[in-house]
Amino acid sequence: MLKKFFYLLVCLAAFSLGCFAVFLFFTEDRKLFSISALNRKTKPEGSEPTVRPNATSGRSLDPCPDVPPNLRGVLHVEFRTNRTLQDVRNHVGPLLQLGGRYRPTSCRAKQKVAVIVPFRNRSEHLNHWLYYLHPVLMRQQLDYGVYVINQDGDGVYNKAKLMNIGFNESLKEYDYNCFVFSDVDLVPLDDRNLYRCFDQPRHLSVAVDKFNFILPYATLFGGVTALSKQQFLKVNGFSNTFWGWGGEDDDMSQRLSHRGMVISRPDSVTGRYKMIKHRRDSHNDPNPNREQKLRETRLNMDTDGINSLNYSVREIRKDLLYIKLNINLYIYVQWFWF
């Protein structure tokens, strides 16, 4: 009897040890599994490739809205204040990159716009223009640059050729796809007048105070205009042969018509402008041959334009507010006028 009891006790002890061993085995296995899972969760970031959107990269931003949200509408514009370039730098400079470049940081601009200003001896006007235009262009959420194309010397002025040069030279800086050509004495009175390109060539300065805010004639395409790169090349740019005042804008209007394009405009309220009063520049007398040249637009437009442009750049100066190019135009006035 004692022998049987001892045998039962041994079996019970062996069974207990076996159960305990099994318990320890599964407990350790779960513990190891748990530690392994924890190690995977706390694996240092960067040990595996991770793709993150870059908030400063244009590719990661959403497109800017068609209607910019921060426009003010009607603007107060006055030219009585004596403004220096330094005043303008203090006013808008912190938001600009060298060369008058700007792009929005909260969205991706839909167009890349070169704003081209033909220029000579208008420093006071340029200060006013920069003071008002930079904030407008920023609120319009444009990816833009400002190019002041200065005709060097005192020869007869050629505005249209300077605009061709602005188109040509700006493309060496950036892949612009829209070009706004602006007289330096015209400032918009409403920032809802968008400095961008449309399906058709755009005439922006519809209603100027000098003309009592009335469009002088239906085919006018001067003052402030916008052309896409494709539209500009389709008409071979501006004529290079309008020396002196007048005719080049009407020639461009005819070029657009001959290529089947129609001028588009904002309404006469949104398209209001204020002109800085001034006397006509010296060496910019009316071209006596302009009427005859306008009768020859269709004949000449394929050979007179961006494909026949000749000039030399004497100096390129990058200011915080703009890029200024001093240009030698190779003037042969007698050949064109007589």
C-alpha atoms as a PDB file:
ATOM      1  CA  MET A   1       0.000   0.000   0.000  1.00  0.00           C
ATOM      2  CA  LEU A   2       2.814   2.389   0.860  1.00  0.00           C
ATOM      3  CA  LYS A   3       4.557   1.456  -2.342  1.00  0.00           C
ATOM      4  CA  LYS A   4       1.486   2.388  -4.396  1.00  0.00           C
ATOM      5  CA  PHE A   5       1.125   5.689  -2.604  1.00  0.00           C
ATOM      6  CA  PHE A   6       4.794   6.570  -3.291  1.00  0.00           C
ATOM      7  CA  TYR A   7       4.364   5.672  -6.954  1.00  0.00           C
ATOM      8  CA  LEU A   8       1.269   7.948  -7.221  1.00  0.00           C
ATOM      9  CA  LEU A   9       3.156  10.782  -5.590  1.00  0.00           C
ATOM     10  CA  VAL A  10       6.026  10.500  -8.075  1.00  0.00           C
ATOM     11  CA  CYS A  11       3.613  10.535 -11.024  1.00  0.00           C
ATOM     12  CA  LEU A  12       1.861  13.583  -9.638  1.00  0.00           C
ATOM     13  CA  ALA A  13       5.170  15.426  -9.181  1.00  0.00           C
ATOM     14  CA  ALA A  14       6.284  14.533 -12.707  1.00  0.00           C
ATOM     15  CA  PHE A  15       2.965  15.761 -14.123  1.00  0.00           C
ATOM     16  CA  SER A  16       3.273  19.030 -12.154  1.00  0.00           C
ATOM     17  CA  LEU A  17       6.813  19.599 -13.416  1.00  0.00           C
ATOM     18  CA  GLY A  18       5.708  18.939 -16.976  1.00  0.00           C
ATOM     19  CA  CYS A  19       2.843  21.415 -16.699  1.00  0.00           C
ATOM     20  CA  PHE A  20       5.162  23.991 -15.194  1.00  0.00           C
ATOM     21  CA  ALA A  21       7.695  23.514 -18.021  1.00  0.00           C
ATOM     22  CA  VAL A  22       4.989  23.947 -20.656  1.00  0.00           C
ATOM     23  CA  PHE A  23       3.764  27.081 -18.885  1.00  0.00           C
ATOM     24  CA  LEU A  24       7.282  28.559 -18.807  1.00  0.00           C
ATOM     25  CA  PHE A  25       7.823  27.768 -22.491  1.00  0.00           C
ATOM     26  CA  PHE A  26       4.725  29.564 -23.733  1.00  0.00           C
ATOM     27  CA  THR A  27       5.249  32.468 -21.341  1.00  0.00           C
ATOM     28  CA  GLU A  28       8.763  33.096 -22.657  1.00  0.00           C
ATOM     29  CA  ASP A  29       7.593  32.765 -26.263  1.00  0.00           C
ATOM     30  CA  ARG A  30       4.929  35.427 -25.807  1.00  0.00           C
ATOM     31  CA  LYS A  31       7.383  37.634 -24.029  1.00  0.00           C
ATOM     32  CA  LEU A  32       9.868  37.359 -26.889  1.00  0.00           C
ATOM     33  CA  PHE A  33       7.083  38.027 -29.409  1.00  0.00           C
ATOM     34  CA  SER A  34       6.009  41.071 -27.441  1.00  0.00           C
ATOM     35  CA  ILE A  35       9.559  42.441 -27.282  1.00  0.00           C
ATOM     36  CA  SER A  36      10.025  41.822 -31.015  1.00  0.00           C
ATOM     37  CA  ALA A  37       6.807  43.729 -31.804  1.00  0.00           C
ATOM     38  CA  LEU A  38       7.876  46.567 -29.543  1.00  0.00           C
ATOM     39  CA  ASN A  39      11.210  46.749 -31.302  1.00  0.00           C
ATOM     40  CA  ARG A  40       9.459  47.038 -34.661  1.00  0.00           C
ATOM     41  CA  LYS A  41       7.238  49.857 -33.392  1.00  0.00           C
ATOM     42  CA  THR A  42      10.103  51.836 -31.951  1.00  0.00           C
ATOM     43  CA  LYS A  43      12.411  51.399 -34.952  1.00  0.00           C
ATOM     44  CA  PRO A  44      14.215  54.708 -35.546  1.00  0.00           C
ATOM     45  CA  GLU A  45      12.545  56.945 -38.198  1.00  0.00           C
ATOM     46  CA  GLY A  46      14.579  57.171 -41.327  1.00  0.00           C
ATOM     47  CA  SER A  47      15.859  53.623 -41.214  1.00  0.00           C
ATOM     48  CA  GLU A  48      13.282  52.891 -43.931  1.00  0.00           C
ATOM     49  CA  PRO A  49      12.690  55.246 -46.959  1.00  0.00           C
ATOM     50  CA  THR A  50       9.921  57.699 -46.077  1.00  0.00           C
ATOM     51  CA  VAL A  51       8.225  60.051 -48.587  1.00  0.00           C
ATOM     52  CA  ARG A  52       7.069  63.317 -47.097  1.00  0.00           C
ATOM     53  CA  PRO A  53       5.552  66.333 -48.884  1.00  0.00           C
ATOM     54  CA  ASN A  54       7.818  69.348 -48.873  1.00  0.00           C
ATOM     55  CA  ALA A  55       5.799  72.451 -47.926  1.00  0.00           C
ATOM     56  CA  THR A  56       8.225  74.723 -49.773  1.00  0.00           C
ATOM     57  CA  SER A  57       8.273  72.729 -53.000  1.00  0.00           C
ATOM     58  CA  GLY A  58       6.041  73.933 -55.834  1.00  0.00           C
ATOM     59  CA  ARG A  59       5.260  70.318 -56.776  1.00  0.00           C
ATOM     60  CA  SER A  60       3.693  69.576 -53.419  1.00  0.00           C
ATOM     61  CA  LEU A  61       1.414  72.628 -53.316  1.00  0.00           C
ATOM     62  CA  ASP A  62      -2.149  72.757 -54.589  1.00  0.00           C
ATOM     63  CA  PRO A  63      -2.827  75.074 -57.545  1.00  0.00           C
ATOM     64  CA  CYS A  64      -3.751  78.633 -56.630  1.00  0.00           C
ATOM     65  CA  PRO A  65      -7.487  79.398 -56.970  1.00  0.00           C
ATOM     66  CA  ASP A  66      -8.801  81.062 -60.124  1.00  0.00           C
ATOM     67  CA  VAL A  67      -9.922  84.020 -58.007  1.00  0.00           C
ATOM     68  CA  PRO A  68      -7.188  85.038 -55.530  1.00  0.00           C
ATOM     69  CA  PRO A  69      -8.698  85.324 -52.037  1.00  0.00           C
ATOM     70  CA  ASN A  70      -6.926  88.483 -50.831  1.00  0.00           C
ATOM     71  CA  LEU A  71      -7.824  90.968 -53.551  1.00  0.00           C
ATOM     72  CA  ARG A  72      -9.009  94.390 -52.359  1.00  0.00           C
ATOM     73  CA  GLY A  73     -10.891  95.616 -55.402  1.00  0.00           C
ATOM     74  CA  VAL A  74     -10.772  99.374 -55.937  1.00  0.00           C
ATOM     75  CA  LEU A  75      -7.414 100.913 -54.975  1.00  0.00           C
ATOM     76  CA  HIS A  76      -6.377 104.372 -53.873  1.00  0.00           C
ATOM     77  CA  VAL A  77      -3.503 105.548 -56.081  1.00  0.00           C
ATOM     78  CA  GLU A  78      -1.712 108.885 -55.823  1.00  0.00           C
ATOM     79  CA  PHE A  79       1.539 110.194 -57.268  1.00  0.00           C
ATOM     80  CA  ARG A  80       2.090 113.271 -55.096  1.00  0.00           C
ATOM     81  CA  THR A  81       4.298 111.443 -52.600  1.00  0.00           C
ATOM     82  CA  ASN A  82       7.987 111.645 -53.379  1.00  0.00           C
ATOM     83  CA  ARG A  83       9.013 107.980 -53.448  1.00  0.00           C
ATOM     84  CA  THR A  84      12.570 106.720 -53.749  1.00  0.00           C
ATOM     85  CA  LEU A  85      13.658 103.238 -54.713  1.00  0.00           C
ATOM     86  CA  GLN A  86      14.711 102.682 -51.116  1.00  0.00           C
ATOM     87  CA  ASP A  87      11.223 103.597 -49.963  1.00  0.00           C
ATOM     88  CA  VAL A  88       9.837 100.939 -52.286  1.00  0.00           C
ATOM     89  CA  ARG A  89      12.405  98.376 -51.116  1.00  0.00           C
ATOM     90  CA  ASN A  90      11.351  99.022 -47.526  1.00  0.00           C
ATOM     91  CA  HIS A  91       7.698  98.715 -48.550  1.00  0.00           C
ATOM     92  CA  VAL A  92       7.776  95.409 -50.470  1.00  0.00           C
ATOM     93  CA  GLY A  93      11.371  94.178 -50.419  1.00  0.00           C
ATOM     94  CA  PRO A  94      11.136  91.591 -47.617  1.00  0.00           C
ATOM     95  CA  LEU A  95       8.763  89.489 -49.731  1.00  0.00           C
ATOM     96  CA  LEU A  96      10.843  89.581 -52.921  1.00  0.00           C
ATOM     97  CA  GLN A  97      13.792  87.649 -54.255  1.00  0.00           C
ATOM     98  CA  LEU A  98      16.624  89.404 -56.055  1.00  0.00           C
ATOM     99  CA  GLY A  99      15.571  90.567 -59.504  1.00  0.00           C
ATOM    100  CA  GLY A 100      11.991  91.456 -58.566  1.00  0.00           C
ATOM    101  CA  ARG A 101      11.035  87.778 -58.384  1.00  0.00           C
ATOM    102  CA  TYR A 102       8.132  86.443 -56.378  1.00  0.00           C
ATOM    103  CA  ARG A 103       6.081  83.275 -56.108  1.00  0.00           C
ATOM    104  CA  PRO A 104       3.312  82.441 -53.637  1.00  0.00           C
ATOM    105  CA  THR A 105       4.198  80.131 -50.755  1.00  0.00           C
ATOM    106  CA  SER A 106       0.712  78.802 -49.978  1.00  0.00           C
ATOM    107  CA  CYS A 107      -0.192  77.524 -53.450  1.00  0.00           C
ATOM    108  CA  ARG A 108       1.283  76.816 -56.872  1.00  0.00           C
ATOM    109  CA  ALA A 109       0.801  79.666 -59.360  1.00  0.00           C
ATOM    110  CA  LYS A 110      -0.972  78.608 -62.544  1.00  0.00           C
ATOM    111  CA  GLN A 111       1.167  80.821 -64.771  1.00  0.00           C
ATOM    112  CA  LYS A 112       4.727  82.098 -64.837  1.00  0.00           C
ATOM    113  CA  VAL A 113       4.508  85.770 -65.764  1.00  0.00           C
ATOM    114  CA  ALA A 114       7.237  88.082 -67.041  1.00  0.00           C
ATOM    115  CA  VAL A 115       6.209  91.722 -66.569  1.00  0.00           C
ATOM    116  CA  ILE A 116       8.113  93.755 -69.161  1.00  0.00           C
ATOM    117  CA  VAL A 117       8.474  97.529 -68.893  1.00  0.00           C
ATOM    118  CA  PRO A 118      10.045  99.419 -71.849  1.00  0.00           C
ATOM    119  CA  PHE A 119      11.941 102.313 -70.353  1.00  0.00           C
ATOM    120  CA  ARG A 120      14.047 105.428 -70.727  1.00  0.00           C
ATOM    121  CA  ASN A 121      14.495 108.433 -68.418  1.00  0.00           C
ATOM    122  CA  ARG A 122      11.438 107.722 -66.246  1.00  0.00           C
ATOM    123  CA  SER A 123      12.955 106.975 -62.834  1.00  0.00           C
ATOM    124  CA  GLU A 124      10.296 108.846 -60.854  1.00  0.00           C
ATOM    125  CA  HIS A 125       7.532 107.030 -62.719  1.00  0.00           C
ATOM    126  CA  LEU A 126       9.226 103.692 -62.165  1.00  0.00           C
ATOM    127  CA  ASN A 127       9.302 104.273 -58.402  1.00  0.00           C
ATOM    128  CA  HIS A 128       5.544 104.854 -58.320  1.00  0.00           C
ATOM    129  CA  TRP A 129       4.898 101.901 -60.615  1.00  0.00           C
ATOM    130  CA  LEU A 130       6.959  99.497 -58.486  1.00  0.00           C
ATOM    131  CA  TYR A 131       5.374 100.786 -55.270  1.00  0.00           C
ATOM    132  CA  TYR A 132       1.867  99.928 -56.445  1.00  0.00           C
ATOM    133  CA  LEU A 133       2.400  96.983 -58.801  1.00  0.00           C
ATOM    134  CA  HIS A 134       4.413  94.639 -56.611  1.00  0.00           C
ATOM    135  CA  PRO A 135       1.701  94.387 -53.914  1.00  0.00           C
ATOM    136  CA  VAL A 136      -0.967  93.915 -56.609  1.00  0.00           C
ATOM    137  CA  LEU A 137       0.966  91.133 -58.327  1.00  0.00           C
ATOM    138  CA  MET A 138       1.623  89.431 -54.979  1.00  0.00           C
ATOM    139  CA  ARG A 139      -2.056  89.482 -54.031  1.00  0.00           C
ATOM    140  CA  GLN A 140      -2.846  88.000 -57.434  1.00  0.00           C
ATOM    141  CA  GLN A 141      -0.673  85.010 -56.452  1.00  0.00           C
ATOM    142  CA  LEU A 142       1.536  85.160 -59.525  1.00  0.00           C
ATOM    143  CA  ASP A 143       4.888  83.518 -60.062  1.00  0.00           C
ATOM    144  CA  TYR A 144       6.422  86.590 -61.666  1.00  0.00           C
ATOM    145  CA  GLY A 145       9.496  88.664 -62.406  1.00  0.00           C
ATOM    146  CA  VAL A 146       9.843  92.337 -63.395  1.00  0.00           C
ATOM    147  CA  TYR A 147      12.080  93.289 -66.337  1.00  0.00           C
ATOM    148  CA  VAL A 148      12.892  96.936 -67.014  1.00  0.00           C
ATOM    149  CA  ILE A 149      14.258  97.188 -70.565  1.00  0.00           C
ATOM    150  CA  ASN A 150      16.172 100.459 -70.851  1.00  0.00           C
ATOM    151  CA  GLN A 151      17.140 101.917 -74.223  1.00  0.00           C
ATOM    152  CA  ASP A 152      20.682 103.146 -73.826  1.00  0.00           C
ATOM    153  CA  GLY A 153      21.718 106.527 -75.245  1.00  0.00           C
ATOM    154  CA  ASP A 154      19.697 109.404 -76.695  1.00  0.00           C
ATOM    155  CA  GLY A 155      18.710 107.982 -80.073  1.00  0.00           C
ATOM    156  CA  VAL A 156      15.160 107.770 -81.374  1.00  0.00           C
ATOM    157  CA  TYR A 157      13.058 105.617 -79.056  1.00  0.00           C
ATOM    158  CA  ASN A 158      11.729 102.210 -80.137  1.00  0.00           C
ATOM    159  CA  LYS A 159       9.246 100.873 -77.600  1.00  0.00           C
ATOM    160  CA  ALA A 160       8.178  97.799 -79.576  1.00  0.00           C
ATOM    161  CA  LYS A 161      11.713  96.571 -80.113  1.00  0.00           C
ATOM    162  CA  LEU A 162      12.393  96.929 -76.390  1.00  0.00           C
ATOM    163  CA  MET A 163       9.356  94.745 -75.680  1.00  0.00           C
ATOM    164  CA  ASN A 164      10.657  92.084 -78.071  1.00  0.00           C
ATOM    165  CA  ILE A 165      13.968  92.194 -76.237  1.00  0.00           C
ATOM    166  CA  GLY A 166      12.188  91.834 -72.903  1.00  0.00           C
ATOM    167  CA  PHE A 167      10.449  88.697 -74.186  1.00  0.00           C
ATOM    168  CA  ASN A 168      13.725  87.279 -75.476  1.00  0.00           C
ATOM    169  CA  GLU A 169      15.868  88.077 -72.438  1.00  0.00           C
ATOM    170  CA  SER A 170      13.337  87.048 -69.784  1.00  0.00           C
ATOM    171  CA  LEU A 171      13.188  83.553 -71.267  1.00  0.00           C
ATOM    172  CA  LYS A 172      16.905  83.228 -70.617  1.00  0.00           C
ATOM    173  CA  GLU A 173      16.155  83.682 -66.900  1.00  0.00           C
ATOM    174  CA  TYR A 174      13.095  81.475 -66.402  1.00  0.00           C
ATOM    175  CA  ASP A 175      10.556  79.387 -68.317  1.00  0.00           C
ATOM    176  CA  TYR A 176       7.845  82.046 -68.435  1.00  0.00           C
ATOM    177  CA  ASN A 177       4.650  81.196 -70.301  1.00  0.00           C
ATOM    178  CA  CYS A 178       2.866  84.576 -70.017  1.00  0.00           C
ATOM    179  CA  PHE A 179       4.135  88.062 -70.838  1.00  0.00           C
ATOM    180  CA  VAL A 180       2.603  91.316 -69.625  1.00  0.00           C
ATOM    181  CA  PHE A 181       3.838  94.453 -71.395  1.00  0.00           C
ATOM    182  CA  SER A 182       3.258  97.638 -69.408  1.00  0.00           C
ATOM    183  CA  ASP A 183       3.915 101.326 -69.923  1.00  0.00           C
ATOM    184  CA  VAL A 184       5.713 102.668 -66.867  1.00  0.00           C
ATOM    185  CA  ASP A 185       3.183 105.474 -66.398  1.00  0.00           C
ATOM    186  CA  LEU A 186       0.076 103.271 -66.025  1.00  0.00           C
ATOM    187  CA  VAL A 187      -1.047 101.985 -62.614  1.00  0.00           C
ATOM    188  CA  PRO A 188      -4.208  99.878 -62.160  1.00  0.00           C
ATOM    189  CA  LEU A 189      -7.026 101.185 -59.977  1.00  0.00           C
ATOM    190  CA  ASP A 190      -8.453  97.727 -59.264  1.00  0.00           C
ATOM    191  CA  ASP A 191      -6.448  94.631 -58.337  1.00  0.00           C
ATOM    192  CA  ARG A 192      -9.188  92.349 -59.707  1.00  0.00           C
ATOM    193  CA  ASN A 193      -7.729  93.178 -63.135  1.00  0.00           C
ATOM    194  CA  LEU A 194      -5.538  90.079 -63.291  1.00  0.00           C
ATOM    195  CA  TYR A 195      -2.057  90.321 -64.795  1.00  0.00           C
ATOM    196  CA  ARG A 196      -2.202  86.920 -66.421  1.00  0.00           C
ATOM    197  CA  CYS A 197      -2.833  85.401 -69.832  1.00  0.00           C
ATOM    198  CA  PHE A 198      -6.128  84.186 -71.248  1.00  0.00           C
ATOM    199  CA  ASP A 199      -7.338  82.112 -74.182  1.00  0.00           C
ATOM    200  CA  GLN A 200      -7.204  85.274 -76.304  1.00  0.00           C
ATOM    201  CA  PRO A 201      -4.746  88.204 -76.171  1.00  0.00           C
ATOM    202  CA  ARG A 202      -5.659  90.478 -73.272  1.00  0.00           C
ATOM    203  CA  HIS A 203      -5.865  94.277 -73.281  1.00  0.00           C
ATOM    204  CA  LEU A 204      -5.796  95.267 -69.608  1.00  0.00           C
ATOM    205  CA  SER A 205      -5.740  99.091 -69.632  1.00  0.00           C
ATOM    206  CA  VAL A 206      -9.291  99.495 -70.902  1.00  0.00           C
ATOM    207  CA  ALA A 207     -10.296 102.711 -69.134  1.00  0.00           C
ATOM    208  CA  VAL A 208      -7.540 105.290 -68.489  1.00  0.00           C
ATOM    209  CA  ASP A 209      -8.256 108.529 -66.632  1.00  0.00           C
ATOM    210  CA  LYS A 210      -6.519 110.539 -69.386  1.00  0.00           C
ATOM    211  CA  PHE A 211      -9.298 109.437 -71.768  1.00  0.00           C
ATOM    212  CA  ASN A 212     -12.088 109.918 -69.191  1.00  0.00           C
ATOM    213  CA  PHE A 213     -12.141 106.170 -68.567  1.00  0.00           C
ATOM    214  CA  ILE A 214     -13.415 105.499 -72.081  1.00  0.00           C
ATOM    215  CA  LEU A 215     -11.807 103.117 -74.570  1.00  0.00           C
ATOM    216  CA  PRO A 216     -10.658 105.410 -77.414  1.00  0.00           C
ATOM    217  CA  TYR A 217     -11.310 102.854 -80.191  1.00  0.00           C
ATOM    218  CA  ALA A 218     -12.252  99.189 -80.440  1.00  0.00           C
ATOM    219  CA  THR A 219      -8.999  97.826 -81.870  1.00  0.00           C
ATOM    220  CA  LEU A 220      -6.699  99.501 -79.342  1.00  0.00           C
ATOM    221  CA  PHE A 221      -4.039  97.150 -77.993  1.00  0.00           C
ATOM    222  CA  GLY A 222      -1.627  99.362 -76.086  1.00  0.00           C
ATOM    223  CA  GLY A 223      -0.765 100.578 -72.610  1.00  0.00           C
ATOM    224  CA  VAL A 224      -0.896  97.300 -70.663  1.00  0.00           C
ATOM    225  CA  THR A 225      -1.345  94.037 -72.556  1.00  0.00           C
ATOM    226  CA  ALA A 226      -0.871  90.307 -71.919  1.00  0.00           C
ATOM    227  CA  LEU A 227       0.127  87.612 -74.403  1.00  0.00           C
ATOM    228  CA  SER A 228       0.910  83.980 -73.817  1.00  0.00           C
ATOM    229  CA  LYS A 229       4.158  82.660 -75.238  1.00  0.00           C
ATOM    230  CA  GLN A 230       2.250  80.838 -77.977  1.00  0.00           C
ATOM    231  CA  GLN A 231       0.205  83.923 -78.904  1.00  0.00           C
ATOM    232  CA  PHE A 232       3.320  86.103 -79.050  1.00  0.00           C
ATOM    233  CA  LEU A 233       5.246  83.704 -81.273  1.00  0.00           C
ATOM    234  CA  LYS A 234       2.220  83.143 -83.514  1.00  0.00           C
ATOM    235  CA  VAL A 235       2.403  86.808 -84.627  1.00  0.00           C
ATOM    236  CA  ASN A 236       6.228  86.952 -84.617  1.00  0.00           C
ATOM    237  CA  GLY A 237       6.175  89.436 -81.729  1.00  0.00           C
ATOM    238  CA  PHE A 238       6.128  93.187 -82.257  1.00  0.00           C
ATOM    239  CA  SER A 239       7.514  95.009 -85.254  1.00  0.00           C
ATOM    240  CA  ASN A 240      11.094  96.241 -84.795  1.00  0.00           C
ATOM    241  CA  THR A 241      10.743  99.114 -87.240  1.00  0.00           C
ATOM    242  CA  PHE A 242       8.463 101.651 -85.498  1.00  0.00           C
ATOM    243  CA  TRP A 243      10.958 104.320 -84.457  1.00  0.00           C
ATOM    244  CA  GLY A 244       9.546 107.262 -82.521  1.00  0.00           C
ATOM    245  CA  TRP A 245       6.054 107.631 -81.084  1.00  0.00           C
ATOM    246  CA  GLY A 246       2.988 105.780 -82.330  1.00  0.00           C
ATOM    247  CA  GLY A 247       1.916 102.908 -84.539  1.00  0.00           C
ATOM    248  CA  GLU A 248       3.474  99.863 -82.870  1.00  0.00           C
ATOM    249  CA  ASP A 249       0.387  99.060 -80.766  1.00  0.00           C
ATOM    250  CA  ASP A 250      -1.939  99.253 -83.771  1.00  0.00           C
ATOM    251  CA  ASP A 251       0.483  97.104 -85.751  1.00  0.00           C
ATOM    252  CA  MET A 252       0.284  94.425 -83.041  1.00  0.00           C
ATOM    253  CA  SER A 253      -3.515  94.662 -83.069  1.00  0.00           C
ATOM    254  CA  GLN A 254      -3.469  93.977 -86.815  1.00  0.00           C
ATOM    255  CA  ARG A 255      -1.056  91.077 -86.385  1.00  0.00           C
ATOM    256  CA  LEU A 256      -3.412  89.446 -83.916  1.00  0.00           C
ATOM    257  CA  SER A 257      -6.336  89.901 -86.297  1.00  0.00           C
ATOM    258  CA  HIS A 258      -4.401  88.470 -89.248  1.00  0.00           C
ATOM    259  CA  ARG A 259      -3.673  85.340 -87.185  1.00  0.00           C
ATOM    260  CA  GLY A 260      -7.331  84.867 -86.268  1.00  0.00           C
ATOM    261  CA  MET A 261      -7.125  86.069 -82.665  1.00  0.00           C
ATOM    262  CA  VAL A 262      -9.583  88.381 -80.916  1.00  0.00           C
ATOM    263  CA  ILE A 263      -8.694  90.939 -78.236  1.00  0.00           C
ATOM    264  CA  SER A 264     -10.267  90.236 -74.834  1.00  0.00           C
ATOM    265  CA  ARG A 265     -10.744  92.826 -72.090  1.00  0.00           C
ATOM    266  CA  PRO A 266     -11.943  93.204 -68.517  1.00  0.00           C
ATOM    267  CA  ASP A 267     -14.999  95.388 -67.972  1.00  0.00           C
ATOM    268  CA  SER A 268     -14.590  99.160 -67.905  1.00  0.00           C
ATOM    269  CA  VAL A 269     -14.736  99.294 -64.096  1.00  0.00           C
ATOM    270  CA  THR A 270     -12.192  96.575 -63.349  1.00  0.00           C
ATOM    271  CA  GLY A 271      -9.978  97.824 -66.189  1.00  0.00           C
ATOM    272  CA  ARG A 272      -9.506 101.362 -64.851  1.00  0.00           C
ATOM    273  CA  TYR A 273      -6.023 102.924 -64.773  1.00  0.00           C
ATOM    274  CA  LYS A 274      -4.407 106.108 -63.578  1.00  0.00           C
ATOM    275  CA  MET A 275      -1.725 107.640 -65.760  1.00  0.00           C
ATOM    276  CA  ILE A 276       1.224 109.602 -64.375  1.00  0.00           C
ATOM    277  CA  LYS A 277       1.123 112.970 -66.106  1.00  0.00           C
ATOM    278  CA  HIS A 278       4.228 113.862 -68.091  1.00  0.00           C
ATOM    279  CA  ARG A 279       5.468 115.535 -71.214  1.00  0.00           C
ATOM    280  CA  ARG A 280       6.477 113.464 -74.209  1.00  0.00           C
ATOM    281  CA  ASP A 281      10.087 112.380 -74.009  1.00  0.00           C
ATOM    282  CA  SER A 282      12.731 113.987 -76.145  1.00  0.00           C
ATOM    283  CA  HIS A 283      13.794 111.842 -79.121  1.00  0.00           C
ATOM    284  CA  ASN A 284      10.335 110.303 -79.204  1.00  0.00           C
ATOM    285  CA  ASP A 285       8.606 112.495 -81.769  1.00  0.00           C
ATOM    286  CA  PRO A 286       5.769 110.983 -83.821  1.00  0.00           C
ATOM    287  CA  ASN A 287       6.952 108.727 -86.618  1.00  0.00           C
ATOM    288  CA  PRO A 288       5.807 110.451 -89.831  1.00  0.00           C
ATOM    289  CA  ASN A 289       5.774 107.132 -91.680  1.00  0.00           C
ATOM    290  CA  ARG A 290       3.621 105.177 -89.232  1.00  0.00           C
ATOM    291  CA  GLU A 291       0.373 105.304 -91.261  1.00  0.00           C
ATOM    292  CA  GLN A 292       2.116 103.872 -94.323  1.00  0.00           C
ATOM    293  CA  LYS A 293       3.739 101.160 -92.224  1.00  0.00           C
ATOM    294  CA  LEU A 294       0.381 100.138 -90.782  1.00  0.00           C
ATOM    295  CA  ARG A 295      -0.874  99.484 -94.298  1.00  0.00           C
ATOM    296  CA  GLU A 296       1.991  97.014 -94.749  1.00  0.00           C
ATOM    297  CA  THR A 297       1.553  94.942 -91.579  1.00  0.00           C
ATOM    298  CA  ARG A 298       0.307  91.801 -93.337  1.00  0.00           C
ATOM    299  CA  LEU A 299       3.186  91.927 -95.825  1.00  0.00           C
ATOM    300  CA  ASN A 300       5.920  92.453 -93.220  1.00  0.00           C
ATOM    301  CA  MET A 301       4.865  90.557 -90.117  1.00  0.00           C
ATOM    302  CA  ASP A 302       6.503  87.254 -91.060  1.00  0.00           C
ATOM    303  CA  THR A 303       9.922  88.844 -91.523  1.00  0.00           C
ATOM    304  CA  ASP A 304       9.795  91.812 -89.117  1.00  0.00           C
ATOM    305  CA  GLY A 305       9.611  90.746 -85.487  1.00  0.00           C
ATOM    306  CA  ILE A 306      11.167  88.386 -82.972  1.00  0.00           C
ATOM    307  CA  ASN A 307      12.898  86.472 -85.798  1.00  0.00           C
ATOM    308  CA  SER A 308      14.691  89.596 -87.074  1.00  0.00           C
ATOM    309  CA  LEU A 309      15.668  91.072 -83.708  1.00  0.00           C
ATOM    310  CA  ASN A 310      19.167  92.506 -83.387  1.00  0.00           C
ATOM    311  CA  TYR A 311      20.602  94.267 -80.345  1.00  0.00           C
ATOM    312  CA  SER A 312      23.311  94.014 -77.732  1.00  0.00           C
ATOM    313  CA  VAL A 313      23.023  93.992 -73.951  1.00  0.00           C
ATOM    314  CA  ARG A 314      25.437  96.483 -72.429  1.00  0.00           C
ATOM    315  CA  GLU A 315      24.600  95.807 -68.805  1.00  0.00           C
ATOM    316  CA  ILE A 316      22.339  93.644 -66.657  1.00  0.00           C
ATOM    317  CA  ARG A 317      21.668  94.898 -63.153  1.00  0.00           C
ATOM    318  CA  LYS A 318      19.669  92.928 -60.607  1.00  0.00           C
ATOM    319  CA  ASP A 319      17.957  95.040 -58.002  1.00  0.00           C
ATOM    320  CA  LEU A 320      15.710  93.661 -55.294  1.00  0.00           C
ATOM    321  CA  LEU A 321      12.751  95.180 -57.170  1.00  0.00           C
ATOM    322  CA  TYR A 322      13.563  94.320 -60.818  1.00  0.00           C
ATOM    323  CA  ILE A 323      16.088  93.246 -63.396  1.00  0.00           C
ATOM    324  CA  LYS A 324      17.229  96.178 -65.510  1.00  0.00           C
ATOM    325  CA  LEU A 325      18.845  95.626 -68.896  1.00  0.00           C
ATOM    326  CA  ASN A 326      20.634  98.447 -70.700  1.00  0.00           C
ATOM    327  CA  ILE A 327      20.221  97.849 -74.421  1.00  0.00           C
ATOM    328  CA  ASN A 328      21.974  99.073 -77.552  1.00  0.00           C
ATOM    329  CA  LEU A 329      19.384  99.004 -80.353  1.00  0.00           C
ATOM    330  CA  TYR A 330      21.649  99.647 -83.393  1.00  0.00           C
ATOM    331  CA  ILE A 331      19.622 102.619 -84.600  1.00  0.00           C
ATOM    332  CA  TYR A 332      19.346 103.319 -88.332  1.00  0.00           C
ATOM    333  CA  VAL A 333      16.574 105.880 -88.277  1.00  0.00           C
ATOM    334  CA  GLN A 334      16.962 107.257 -91.792  1.00  0.00           C
ATOM    335  CA  TRP A 335      16.555 103.826 -93.386  1.00  0.00           C
ATOM    336  CA  PHE A 336      13.205 103.292 -91.656  1.00  0.00           C
ATOM    337  CA  TRP A 337      11.726 106.745 -91.961  1.00  0.00           C
ATOM    338  CA  PHE A 338      12.500 107.710 -95.528  1.00  0.00           C
END
